[in-house]
Amino acid sequence: MIRPIDNITSEAALENAVNRFRERGIILPTFRQQRHPGLIPENIRSKLKDVGLWDMNPLNLFRITWKNEPVDKGGLFGGVNFIELPSQLTGVDARILLLIGKWFPTGAHKVGAAYGCLAPMIITGGFDPTWQKAVWPSTGNYCRGGAFDSKLMGTESVAILPEEMSNERFAWLRDEIGSEVIATPGCESNVKEIYDKCWEIRRTRPDCVIFNQFEEFGNGAWHYNLTGPAIEEVYNTVRHDRSRLAAYVSATGSAGTIAAGDYLRTVVPDIKVVASEALQCPTLLMNGFGGHRIEGIGDKHVPWIHNVKNTDMVTAIDDEDCMRLLRLFNEKKGHDYLSAIGVDGDVINSLPLIGISGISNLLSAIKAARYFEMTPDDVIITIATDSAEMYRSRVEELRTQRGEYDMLQAVRDFEQCLMGARCDNMKELTYRDRKALHNLKYYTWVEQQGRNVEELNQLWHDRDIWNTMFRQVDRWDELIDGFNERTGLLHSV
């Protein structure tokens, strides 16, 4: 049956990890400190003033937070990083806000999801960094975050991702991290090929431990305990007397980020949790399959850790709309047009903070606002996992394929993709719809990935299992405190 990670499984591996961390000066932050950076000891904060956001320095584990100062080097902490897009740009009355992932190390919040998977194994002796390698299967940012975390935690990594992902991902993993990189066949939606490579590694490489984000509850637990409260904090920052936190929108992807919706449900019980996916691969919308270009939201299956009982709506976004808006938001002529119609300059300058999956989330938020007939009192919050900085090569490819971007194309893209977003390719889920999505897990996880029917039924029928798995971090923080005491580093930094 499914159980939390809460006890030491190997004292020998734990002792090896303690010694490795002591030798390399590695201190683990608690999840509590990542949520509230003000709790980070002053001696660590002072040293961060000389550390770049992407530096391979163990102190950057303390920058796994939504509250980094938005600078490349030497920043400390403040409020949650977010932007609000005006109705002039979205075409709807509801207020739409996006949390910004660019200001995490690696430029994406997936370093947090990876930390939620690796740290609990280290502090319980489930992973020995002195001889085991951490394998990070992903369609993009998760393997980057995992490789970064591995480097900072004194161990080696293996990154697995589809061969058609952006060049920036591969170059950084190989050149900056020195990770072993395995490119599997296909594009964003070819997750099974990644799983097949994982099974090959299990059979042939006993030194490898696989951290599969699609089934690791540490992924969802990190978002439940950090992204959820960050959204709550942002809402409380912008709300007024008549405001209502109406919806939370997240790409399904590995189902880690959407777990923030489970937390938000405890704060606002009637919130709408909206799952976003690609129209070219509408797995949740219509059990569909196919390839698409919205990098970072791998699909063709329902992740093990997706609590579909807590999902109210599914939206499917045309990847062509995302490509067109990527250009509108990042080409000079696109900015010129937005300025000409009166969009504020600060808003225009913030648009490159939104990557491709963030654009998809934005479009899902617009569709949800129209479907539910939301008003200016309604607030929708969604996520920009990464920024356009991760996709410069995609912008160049589009320019090569389609020619220089001009004002006429900017008008078309704005009117058709933003103002023209309609309530099509979306579905409000009934109880039976949710049960059907849960049942789809059988084919991936029981038939292919070694889970059993008892566990599958537990995820549906056990009323406490999701809270149990998502609320483990208090116990993990106790273990982290004990681990740091054993290394003795907190008192000598």
Protein backbone atom coordinates (compact mmCIF):
# COMPACT_ATOMS: atom_id res chain seq x y z
CA MET A 1 0.00 0.00 0.00
CA ILE A 2 0.98 3.65 -0.38
CA ARG A 3 2.85 4.96 2.63
CA PRO A 4 4.70 8.18 3.51
CA ILE A 5 8.47 8.50 3.70
CA ASP A 6 8.90 9.01 7.41
CA ASN A 7 11.48 6.58 8.82
CA ILE A 8 15.17 5.86 8.32
CA THR A 9 15.62 2.85 6.05
CA SER A 10 19.43 2.54 5.99
CA GLU A 11 21.66 3.97 8.69
CA ALA A 12 24.74 3.15 6.59
CA ALA A 13 23.50 5.19 3.62
CA LEU A 14 22.45 7.99 5.95
CA GLU A 15 25.88 8.11 7.55
CA ASN A 16 27.52 8.21 4.11
CA ALA A 17 25.27 11.13 3.17
CA VAL A 18 26.09 12.97 6.41
CA ASN A 19 29.82 12.57 5.75
CA ARG A 20 29.49 13.65 2.11
CA PHE A 21 27.54 16.76 3.07
CA ARG A 22 29.99 17.60 5.86
CA GLU A 23 32.97 17.25 3.50
CA ARG A 24 31.39 19.46 0.84
CA GLY A 25 29.77 22.03 3.12
CA ILE A 26 26.19 21.19 2.12
CA ILE A 27 23.33 22.31 4.38
CA LEU A 28 19.76 21.27 3.62
CA PRO A 29 17.04 23.92 3.94
CA THR A 30 13.81 22.87 5.56
CA PHE A 31 10.60 23.13 3.58
CA ARG A 32 9.53 25.62 6.22
CA GLN A 33 12.50 27.85 5.32
CA GLN A 34 11.73 27.57 1.61
CA ARG A 35 8.20 28.73 2.34
CA HIS A 36 9.31 31.44 4.80
CA PRO A 37 12.85 32.57 3.80
CA GLY A 38 12.89 34.92 6.76
CA LEU A 39 13.62 31.83 8.87
CA ILE A 40 16.92 31.20 7.05
CA PRO A 41 19.85 31.84 9.45
CA GLU A 42 21.52 35.22 9.00
CA ASN A 43 24.96 33.68 8.41
CA ILE A 44 23.58 31.87 5.34
CA ARG A 45 21.71 34.94 4.11
CA SER A 46 24.87 37.05 4.30
CA LYS A 47 26.83 34.56 2.19
CA LEU A 48 24.09 34.47 -0.46
CA LYS A 49 24.87 38.11 -1.24
CA ASP A 50 27.93 36.92 -3.16
CA VAL A 51 26.24 33.98 -4.93
CA GLY A 52 24.64 34.09 -8.40
CA LEU A 53 21.17 32.65 -8.80
CA TRP A 54 22.39 29.86 -11.10
CA ASP A 55 25.74 29.25 -9.40
CA MET A 56 26.63 25.64 -8.55
CA ASN A 57 26.83 26.57 -4.89
CA PRO A 58 25.07 24.46 -2.21
CA LEU A 59 23.81 27.68 -0.63
CA ASN A 60 21.46 28.02 -3.60
CA LEU A 61 19.38 25.22 -2.11
CA PHE A 62 18.07 28.03 0.11
CA ARG A 63 16.91 29.85 -3.01
CA ILE A 64 14.39 27.15 -3.84
CA THR A 65 11.52 29.50 -3.06
CA TRP A 66 8.94 31.67 -4.80
CA LYS A 67 10.29 34.65 -2.86
CA ASN A 68 13.71 35.27 -4.41
CA GLU A 69 14.64 38.85 -5.12
CA PRO A 70 14.32 39.10 -8.94
CA VAL A 71 18.00 39.62 -9.73
CA ASP A 72 20.64 37.35 -11.24
CA LYS A 73 23.24 37.69 -8.50
CA GLY A 74 23.37 38.46 -4.80
CA GLY A 75 19.64 38.75 -4.26
CA LEU A 76 17.96 37.81 -1.03
CA PHE A 77 14.22 37.49 -0.46
CA GLY A 78 11.00 39.46 -0.58
CA GLY A 79 7.41 38.77 -1.62
CA VAL A 80 6.19 36.15 -4.08
CA ASN A 81 7.16 36.97 -7.67
CA PHE A 82 4.06 37.45 -9.83
CA ILE A 83 2.56 39.62 -12.56
CA GLU A 84 -1.01 40.67 -13.24
CA LEU A 85 -2.21 40.99 -16.83
CA PRO A 86 -4.87 43.64 -17.50
CA SER A 87 -8.23 43.02 -19.14
CA GLN A 88 -6.95 45.08 -22.05
CA LEU A 89 -4.61 42.19 -22.81
CA THR A 90 -6.73 39.20 -21.73
CA GLY A 91 -10.10 40.32 -23.03
CA VAL A 92 -11.94 39.21 -19.87
CA ASP A 93 -13.16 41.04 -16.79
CA ALA A 94 -11.62 38.64 -14.27
CA ARG A 95 -8.20 39.49 -12.87
CA ILE A 96 -5.56 37.04 -14.11
CA LEU A 97 -2.27 36.72 -12.23
CA LEU A 98 0.73 34.48 -12.94
CA LEU A 99 3.35 33.33 -10.45
CA ILE A 100 6.78 33.72 -12.08
CA GLY A 101 9.17 30.77 -12.11
CA LYS A 102 12.09 32.57 -13.78
CA TRP A 103 13.54 33.68 -10.45
CA PHE A 104 14.28 30.17 -9.23
CA PRO A 105 17.73 28.69 -9.81
CA THR A 106 17.67 27.17 -13.34
CA GLY A 107 14.92 29.64 -14.28
CA ALA A 108 12.03 27.31 -13.42
CA HIS A 109 10.25 26.18 -10.25
CA LYS A 110 10.94 22.53 -11.00
CA VAL A 111 14.01 22.69 -8.75
CA GLY A 112 11.46 22.68 -5.95
CA ALA A 113 9.64 19.60 -7.20
CA ALA A 114 12.96 17.79 -7.55
CA TYR A 115 14.03 18.85 -4.06
CA GLY A 116 10.78 17.41 -2.72
CA CYS A 117 11.75 14.06 -4.24
CA LEU A 118 15.51 13.85 -3.50
CA ALA A 119 15.83 15.43 -0.06
CA PRO A 120 13.45 13.02 1.74
CA MET A 121 15.34 10.04 0.35
CA ILE A 122 18.69 11.41 1.49
CA ILE A 123 17.55 12.21 5.04
CA THR A 124 16.02 8.73 5.48
CA GLY A 125 18.92 6.75 4.02
CA GLY A 126 16.99 5.84 0.89
CA PHE A 127 19.65 7.34 -1.38
CA ASP A 128 23.40 7.18 -0.93
CA PRO A 129 25.04 10.14 -2.72
CA THR A 130 28.50 8.57 -2.49
CA TRP A 131 27.81 5.87 -5.09
CA GLN A 132 24.26 6.15 -6.41
CA LYS A 133 23.17 8.36 -9.29
CA ALA A 134 19.87 10.24 -9.37
CA VAL A 135 17.89 9.67 -12.57
CA TRP A 136 15.50 12.44 -13.59
CA PRO A 137 12.99 11.42 -16.30
CA SER A 138 11.30 14.50 -17.69
CA THR A 139 10.07 16.44 -20.69
CA GLY A 140 12.23 19.39 -19.76
CA ASN A 141 12.47 21.51 -16.64
CA TYR A 142 12.21 18.74 -14.05
CA CYS A 143 15.34 16.97 -15.24
CA ARG A 144 17.12 20.33 -15.28
CA GLY A 145 15.99 21.01 -11.74
CA GLY A 146 16.89 17.51 -10.63
CA ALA A 147 20.34 17.69 -12.17
CA PHE A 148 20.93 21.06 -10.50
CA ASP A 149 19.77 19.79 -7.10
CA SER A 150 21.91 16.67 -7.50
CA LYS A 151 24.98 18.77 -8.22
CA LEU A 152 24.35 20.92 -5.16
CA MET A 153 23.74 17.83 -3.01
CA GLY A 154 27.02 16.20 -3.94
CA THR A 155 25.84 13.43 -6.24
CA GLU A 156 25.78 12.60 -9.94
CA SER A 157 22.72 12.79 -12.17
CA VAL A 158 21.25 11.24 -15.28
CA ALA A 159 18.80 13.41 -17.24
CA ILE A 160 16.29 11.75 -19.56
CA LEU A 161 14.22 13.90 -21.95
CA PRO A 162 12.79 13.73 -25.49
CA GLU A 163 15.17 14.50 -28.32
CA GLU A 164 12.90 17.22 -29.76
CA MET A 165 13.05 19.47 -26.70
CA SER A 166 14.66 22.92 -27.01
CA ASN A 167 18.42 23.15 -27.57
CA GLU A 168 18.79 25.30 -24.45
CA ARG A 169 17.83 22.36 -22.24
CA PHE A 170 20.40 19.96 -23.68
CA ALA A 171 23.24 22.47 -23.81
CA TRP A 172 22.83 23.55 -20.20
CA LEU A 173 22.59 19.99 -18.85
CA ARG A 174 25.75 18.88 -20.65
CA ASP A 175 27.89 22.00 -20.49
CA GLU A 176 26.97 23.59 -17.17
CA ILE A 177 25.96 20.64 -15.01
CA GLY A 178 28.03 17.87 -16.55
CA SER A 179 25.07 15.52 -16.27
CA GLU A 180 24.75 12.37 -18.28
CA VAL A 181 22.01 13.13 -20.82
CA ILE A 182 19.82 10.53 -22.52
CA ALA A 183 17.62 11.74 -25.40
CA THR A 184 14.61 9.52 -26.01
CA PRO A 185 12.60 9.37 -29.27
CA GLY A 186 9.85 11.88 -29.89
CA CYS A 187 8.58 15.19 -28.58
CA GLU A 188 6.88 16.65 -25.54
CA SER A 189 4.12 14.06 -25.36
CA ASN A 190 6.35 10.97 -25.72
CA VAL A 191 6.39 10.07 -22.03
CA LYS A 192 6.16 6.30 -22.49
CA GLU A 193 9.49 6.30 -24.30
CA ILE A 194 10.98 7.96 -21.23
CA TYR A 195 9.44 5.28 -19.01
CA ASP A 196 10.83 2.55 -21.27
CA LYS A 197 14.32 3.97 -20.82
CA CYS A 198 13.78 4.00 -17.04
CA TRP A 199 12.95 0.29 -17.07
CA GLU A 200 16.10 -0.40 -19.08
CA ILE A 201 18.13 1.51 -16.49
CA ARG A 202 16.49 -0.42 -13.64
CA ARG A 203 17.54 -3.69 -15.29
CA THR A 204 21.08 -2.74 -16.22
CA ARG A 205 22.36 -0.05 -13.83
CA PRO A 206 22.04 -0.94 -10.13
CA ASP A 207 23.77 2.30 -9.13
CA CYS A 208 20.86 4.38 -10.46
CA VAL A 209 17.81 5.50 -8.48
CA ILE A 210 14.92 6.83 -10.54
CA PHE A 211 12.94 9.83 -9.33
CA ASN A 212 9.88 9.71 -11.56
CA GLN A 213 8.07 13.01 -11.10
CA PHE A 214 4.83 11.51 -12.39
CA GLU A 215 4.60 9.13 -9.40
CA GLU A 216 6.74 10.75 -6.70
CA PHE A 217 4.49 12.31 -4.07
CA GLY A 218 7.37 14.56 -3.02
CA ASN A 219 6.70 16.48 -6.24
CA GLY A 220 3.11 17.24 -5.28
CA ALA A 221 4.01 17.72 -1.60
CA TRP A 222 6.43 20.53 -2.48
CA HIS A 223 3.76 22.35 -4.48
CA TYR A 224 1.05 21.71 -1.88
CA ASN A 225 3.20 23.26 0.85
CA LEU A 226 4.96 26.01 -1.11
CA THR A 227 3.11 26.90 -4.32
CA GLY A 228 -0.31 26.70 -2.67
CA PRO A 229 0.58 29.10 0.17
CA ALA A 230 2.42 31.37 -2.30
CA ILE A 231 -0.79 31.68 -4.32
CA GLU A 232 -2.73 32.41 -1.15
CA GLU A 233 -0.23 35.12 -0.23
CA VAL A 234 -0.45 36.73 -3.66
CA TYR A 235 -4.23 36.72 -3.51
CA ASN A 236 -4.19 38.39 -0.10
CA THR A 237 -1.85 41.02 -1.54
CA VAL A 238 -4.19 42.03 -4.39
CA ARG A 239 -7.64 41.38 -2.94
CA HIS A 240 -10.24 43.94 -1.93
CA ASP A 241 -13.46 43.63 0.05
CA ARG A 242 -15.43 42.07 -2.82
CA SER A 243 -12.66 39.85 -4.20
CA ARG A 244 -13.00 36.10 -4.62
CA LEU A 245 -10.24 33.61 -5.39
CA ALA A 246 -12.27 32.05 -8.16
CA ALA A 247 -9.92 29.67 -9.94
CA TYR A 248 -6.50 28.10 -10.02
CA VAL A 249 -5.20 27.01 -13.42
CA SER A 250 -2.34 24.57 -13.94
CA ALA A 251 -1.04 22.42 -16.74
CA THR A 252 -1.38 18.78 -15.73
CA GLY A 253 2.13 17.78 -16.74
CA SER A 254 3.48 15.62 -13.93
CA ALA A 255 0.55 16.73 -11.70
CA GLY A 256 2.94 18.27 -9.19
CA THR A 257 1.98 21.91 -9.76
CA ILE A 258 -1.74 21.19 -9.84
CA ALA A 259 -1.41 19.78 -6.29
CA ALA A 260 -1.35 23.40 -5.14
CA GLY A 261 -5.05 23.25 -5.89
CA ASP A 262 -5.46 20.65 -3.12
CA TYR A 263 -4.04 23.17 -0.67
CA LEU A 264 -6.16 26.02 -2.03
CA ARG A 265 -9.28 23.90 -1.61
CA THR A 266 -8.62 23.98 2.16
CA VAL A 267 -8.58 27.79 2.02
CA VAL A 268 -11.36 28.42 -0.52
CA PRO A 269 -13.57 25.30 -0.71
CA ASP A 270 -15.48 26.43 -3.81
CA ILE A 271 -12.42 27.37 -5.90
CA LYS A 272 -12.37 26.00 -9.45
CA VAL A 273 -9.25 23.90 -10.13
CA VAL A 274 -8.64 23.90 -13.88
CA ALA A 275 -6.32 21.43 -15.62
CA SER A 276 -4.72 22.61 -18.84
CA GLU A 277 -3.34 20.41 -21.61
CA ALA A 278 -2.54 20.56 -25.33
CA LEU A 279 -5.34 20.26 -27.87
CA GLN A 280 -3.02 18.17 -30.03
CA CYS A 281 -2.83 15.61 -27.19
CA PRO A 282 -6.17 15.88 -25.31
CA THR A 283 -5.64 13.01 -22.88
CA LEU A 284 -7.94 14.29 -20.14
CA LEU A 285 -10.45 15.98 -22.44
CA MET A 286 -11.12 12.97 -24.71
CA ASN A 287 -8.60 10.20 -23.93
CA GLY A 288 -6.62 11.54 -26.85
CA PHE A 289 -3.01 11.23 -27.95
CA GLY A 290 -0.57 12.97 -30.27
CA GLY A 291 2.44 15.25 -30.41
CA HIS A 292 2.52 18.94 -29.53
CA ARG A 293 4.84 21.91 -28.94
CA ILE A 294 3.87 23.10 -25.44
CA GLU A 295 7.13 22.08 -23.80
CA GLY A 296 7.02 20.96 -20.18
CA ILE A 297 3.57 19.35 -19.94
CA GLY A 298 4.23 15.73 -21.00
CA ASP A 299 1.08 13.70 -21.37
CA LYS A 300 -0.69 10.69 -23.01
CA HIS A 301 -1.41 9.40 -19.53
CA VAL A 302 -2.80 10.45 -16.15
CA PRO A 303 0.00 10.88 -13.60
CA TRP A 304 -0.13 8.66 -10.53
CA ILE A 305 0.00 11.69 -8.22
CA HIS A 306 -2.84 13.61 -9.90
CA ASN A 307 -5.74 13.85 -7.47
CA VAL A 308 -8.40 13.98 -10.18
CA LYS A 309 -11.12 14.17 -7.52
CA ASN A 310 -9.92 17.71 -6.97
CA THR A 311 -10.08 18.80 -10.63
CA ASP A 312 -13.16 20.75 -11.74
CA MET A 313 -12.44 21.46 -15.38
CA VAL A 314 -10.18 20.43 -18.24
CA THR A 315 -9.14 22.84 -21.00
CA ALA A 316 -7.22 21.97 -24.16
CA ILE A 317 -5.08 24.66 -25.79
CA ASP A 318 -3.98 24.74 -29.41
CA ASP A 319 -0.18 24.77 -29.47
CA GLU A 320 -0.32 27.05 -32.54
CA ASP A 321 -1.87 29.76 -30.40
CA CYS A 322 1.01 29.37 -27.94
CA MET A 323 3.60 29.70 -30.71
CA ARG A 324 1.94 32.79 -32.09
CA LEU A 325 1.73 34.45 -28.69
CA LEU A 326 5.34 33.50 -27.98
CA ARG A 327 6.22 35.76 -30.90
CA LEU A 328 3.76 38.51 -29.94
CA PHE A 329 5.20 38.58 -26.42
CA ASN A 330 8.85 38.52 -27.50
CA GLU A 331 9.23 40.18 -30.91
CA LYS A 332 9.80 43.95 -31.09
CA LYS A 333 6.90 44.49 -33.51
CA GLY A 334 4.67 42.61 -31.10
CA HIS A 335 5.65 44.97 -28.30
CA ASP A 336 5.20 47.96 -30.61
CA TYR A 337 1.63 46.91 -31.41
CA LEU A 338 0.72 46.31 -27.77
CA SER A 339 2.11 49.72 -26.93
CA ALA A 340 0.12 51.30 -29.77
CA ILE A 341 -3.16 49.97 -28.35
CA GLY A 342 -2.29 51.36 -24.93
CA VAL A 343 -0.97 48.38 -22.97
CA ASP A 344 1.20 49.66 -20.14
CA GLY A 345 4.94 49.50 -20.80
CA ASP A 346 5.70 47.66 -17.58
CA VAL A 347 3.20 44.95 -18.55
CA ILE A 348 4.73 44.64 -22.01
CA ASN A 349 8.21 44.35 -20.55
CA SER A 350 7.02 41.58 -18.23
CA LEU A 351 5.64 39.36 -21.02
CA PRO A 352 8.99 37.61 -21.72
CA LEU A 353 8.71 36.25 -18.18
CA ILE A 354 6.09 33.83 -19.53
CA GLY A 355 7.30 30.67 -21.28
CA ILE A 356 5.32 28.44 -23.62
CA SER A 357 3.51 26.46 -20.93
CA GLY A 358 2.78 29.73 -19.11
CA ILE A 359 1.13 31.07 -22.27
CA SER A 360 -0.96 27.89 -22.41
CA ASN A 361 -1.96 28.40 -18.77
CA LEU A 362 -2.89 32.00 -19.53
CA LEU A 363 -5.15 30.91 -22.38
CA SER A 364 -6.79 28.32 -20.11
CA ALA A 365 -7.41 31.04 -17.54
CA ILE A 366 -9.05 33.22 -20.18
CA LYS A 367 -11.26 30.34 -21.32
CA ALA A 368 -12.26 29.52 -17.74
CA ALA A 369 -13.10 33.18 -17.06
CA ARG A 370 -15.39 33.25 -20.09
CA TYR A 371 -16.99 29.90 -19.36
CA PHE A 372 -17.81 30.75 -15.74
CA GLU A 373 -18.77 34.36 -16.66
CA MET A 374 -16.37 35.82 -14.13
CA THR A 375 -16.47 39.44 -13.06
CA PRO A 376 -13.83 42.01 -12.03
CA ASP A 377 -14.21 40.73 -8.47
CA ASP A 378 -12.97 37.28 -9.50
CA VAL A 379 -9.27 36.48 -9.30
CA ILE A 380 -7.69 33.66 -11.31
CA ILE A 381 -4.13 32.63 -10.48
CA THR A 382 -1.95 30.46 -12.66
CA ILE A 383 1.73 29.64 -13.18
CA ALA A 384 4.52 30.68 -15.53
CA THR A 385 6.81 27.73 -14.85
CA ASP A 386 9.66 29.28 -16.80
CA SER A 387 10.32 32.25 -19.06
CA ALA A 388 10.85 32.87 -22.76
CA GLU A 389 14.58 32.79 -22.02
CA MET A 390 14.27 28.99 -22.24
CA TYR A 391 12.88 29.25 -25.79
CA ARG A 392 15.03 31.73 -27.68
CA SER A 393 15.84 29.02 -30.20
CA ARG A 394 12.10 28.45 -30.75
CA VAL A 395 11.60 32.13 -31.52
CA GLU A 396 14.46 31.96 -34.02
CA GLU A 397 13.00 28.82 -35.59
CA LEU A 398 9.63 30.54 -36.03
CA ARG A 399 11.31 33.56 -37.59
CA THR A 400 13.15 31.30 -40.03
CA GLN A 401 10.03 29.32 -40.90
CA ARG A 402 7.56 32.20 -41.14
CA GLY A 403 9.61 35.29 -41.89
CA GLU A 404 10.12 38.49 -39.97
CA TYR A 405 7.41 39.44 -37.50
CA ASP A 406 5.45 42.53 -38.51
CA MET A 407 2.67 44.72 -37.16
CA LEU A 408 -0.01 43.01 -39.26
CA GLN A 409 0.87 39.61 -37.81
CA ALA A 410 0.85 41.10 -34.33
CA VAL A 411 -2.72 42.35 -34.92
CA ARG A 412 -3.80 38.90 -36.11
CA ASP A 413 -2.19 37.11 -33.19
CA PHE A 414 -3.65 39.48 -30.62
CA GLU A 415 -7.17 39.37 -32.05
CA GLN A 416 -7.33 35.66 -32.85
CA CYS A 417 -5.37 34.10 -29.98
CA LEU A 418 -6.26 36.41 -27.07
CA MET A 419 -9.44 38.32 -27.90
CA GLY A 420 -10.71 35.35 -29.93
CA ALA A 421 -10.21 32.69 -27.25
CA ARG A 422 -13.51 30.80 -26.99
CA CYS A 423 -15.16 28.31 -24.65
CA ASP A 424 -14.41 25.38 -26.93
CA ASN A 425 -12.30 22.29 -26.22
CA MET A 426 -13.08 22.37 -22.51
CA LYS A 427 -15.11 20.27 -20.13
CA GLU A 428 -16.54 20.80 -16.65
CA LEU A 429 -16.05 17.51 -14.83
CA THR A 430 -18.77 15.54 -13.09
CA TYR A 431 -18.09 12.90 -10.45
CA ARG A 432 -18.27 10.21 -13.14
CA ASP A 433 -15.90 12.15 -15.39
CA ARG A 434 -13.36 12.27 -12.57
CA LYS A 435 -13.76 8.58 -11.86
CA ALA A 436 -13.17 7.86 -15.56
CA LEU A 437 -9.93 9.86 -15.48
CA HIS A 438 -8.83 8.01 -12.37
CA ASN A 439 -9.55 4.69 -14.07
CA LEU A 440 -7.21 5.66 -16.92
CA LYS A 441 -4.34 5.35 -14.45
CA TYR A 442 -4.78 1.59 -14.57
CA TYR A 443 -3.40 1.26 -18.08
CA THR A 444 -0.20 3.22 -17.42
CA TRP A 445 0.51 2.44 -13.80
CA VAL A 446 -0.78 -1.10 -13.25
CA GLU A 447 -0.27 -2.64 -16.68
CA GLN A 448 3.00 -0.86 -17.53
CA GLN A 449 4.67 0.59 -14.44
CA GLY A 450 4.35 -2.07 -11.75
CA ARG A 451 1.74 -0.54 -9.47
CA ASN A 452 -1.06 -2.76 -8.15
CA VAL A 453 -4.83 -2.46 -8.16
CA GLU A 454 -4.98 -2.18 -4.38
CA GLU A 455 -2.89 1.01 -4.52
CA LEU A 456 -5.02 2.36 -7.37
CA ASN A 457 -8.18 1.78 -5.37
CA GLN A 458 -6.55 3.33 -2.32
CA LEU A 459 -6.04 6.58 -4.25
CA TRP A 460 -9.76 6.75 -4.98
CA HIS A 461 -11.40 5.35 -1.86
CA ASP A 462 -9.05 6.31 0.99
CA ARG A 463 -10.26 9.73 2.11
CA ASP A 464 -7.06 10.49 3.99
CA ILE A 465 -4.41 9.29 1.54
CA TRP A 466 -3.92 12.57 -0.34
CA ASN A 467 -3.62 14.62 2.84
CA THR A 468 -1.24 12.02 4.25
CA MET A 469 1.04 12.13 1.21
CA PHE A 470 0.94 15.88 0.62
CA ARG A 471 1.42 16.88 4.26
CA GLN A 472 4.59 14.92 4.96
CA VAL A 473 6.83 17.95 5.07
CA ASP A 474 6.56 18.59 8.81
CA ARG A 475 8.11 15.18 9.42
CA TRP A 476 10.69 15.82 6.70
CA ASP A 477 11.64 19.09 8.37
CA GLU A 478 12.26 17.22 11.64
CA LEU A 479 14.54 14.81 9.79
CA ILE A 480 16.31 17.65 7.95
CA ASP A 481 17.00 19.40 11.26
CA GLY A 482 18.45 16.17 12.64
CA PHE A 483 20.52 15.62 9.49
CA ASN A 484 22.00 19.12 9.66
CA GLU A 485 22.82 18.63 13.32
CA ARG A 486 24.76 15.51 12.43
CA THR A 487 26.83 17.33 9.81
CA GLY A 488 27.52 20.12 12.31
CA LEU A 489 27.64 22.72 9.54
CA LEU A 490 24.91 25.08 10.67
CA HIS A 491 27.12 26.36 13.45
CA SER A 492 30.24 26.79 11.36
CA VAL A 493 29.06 28.42 8.11
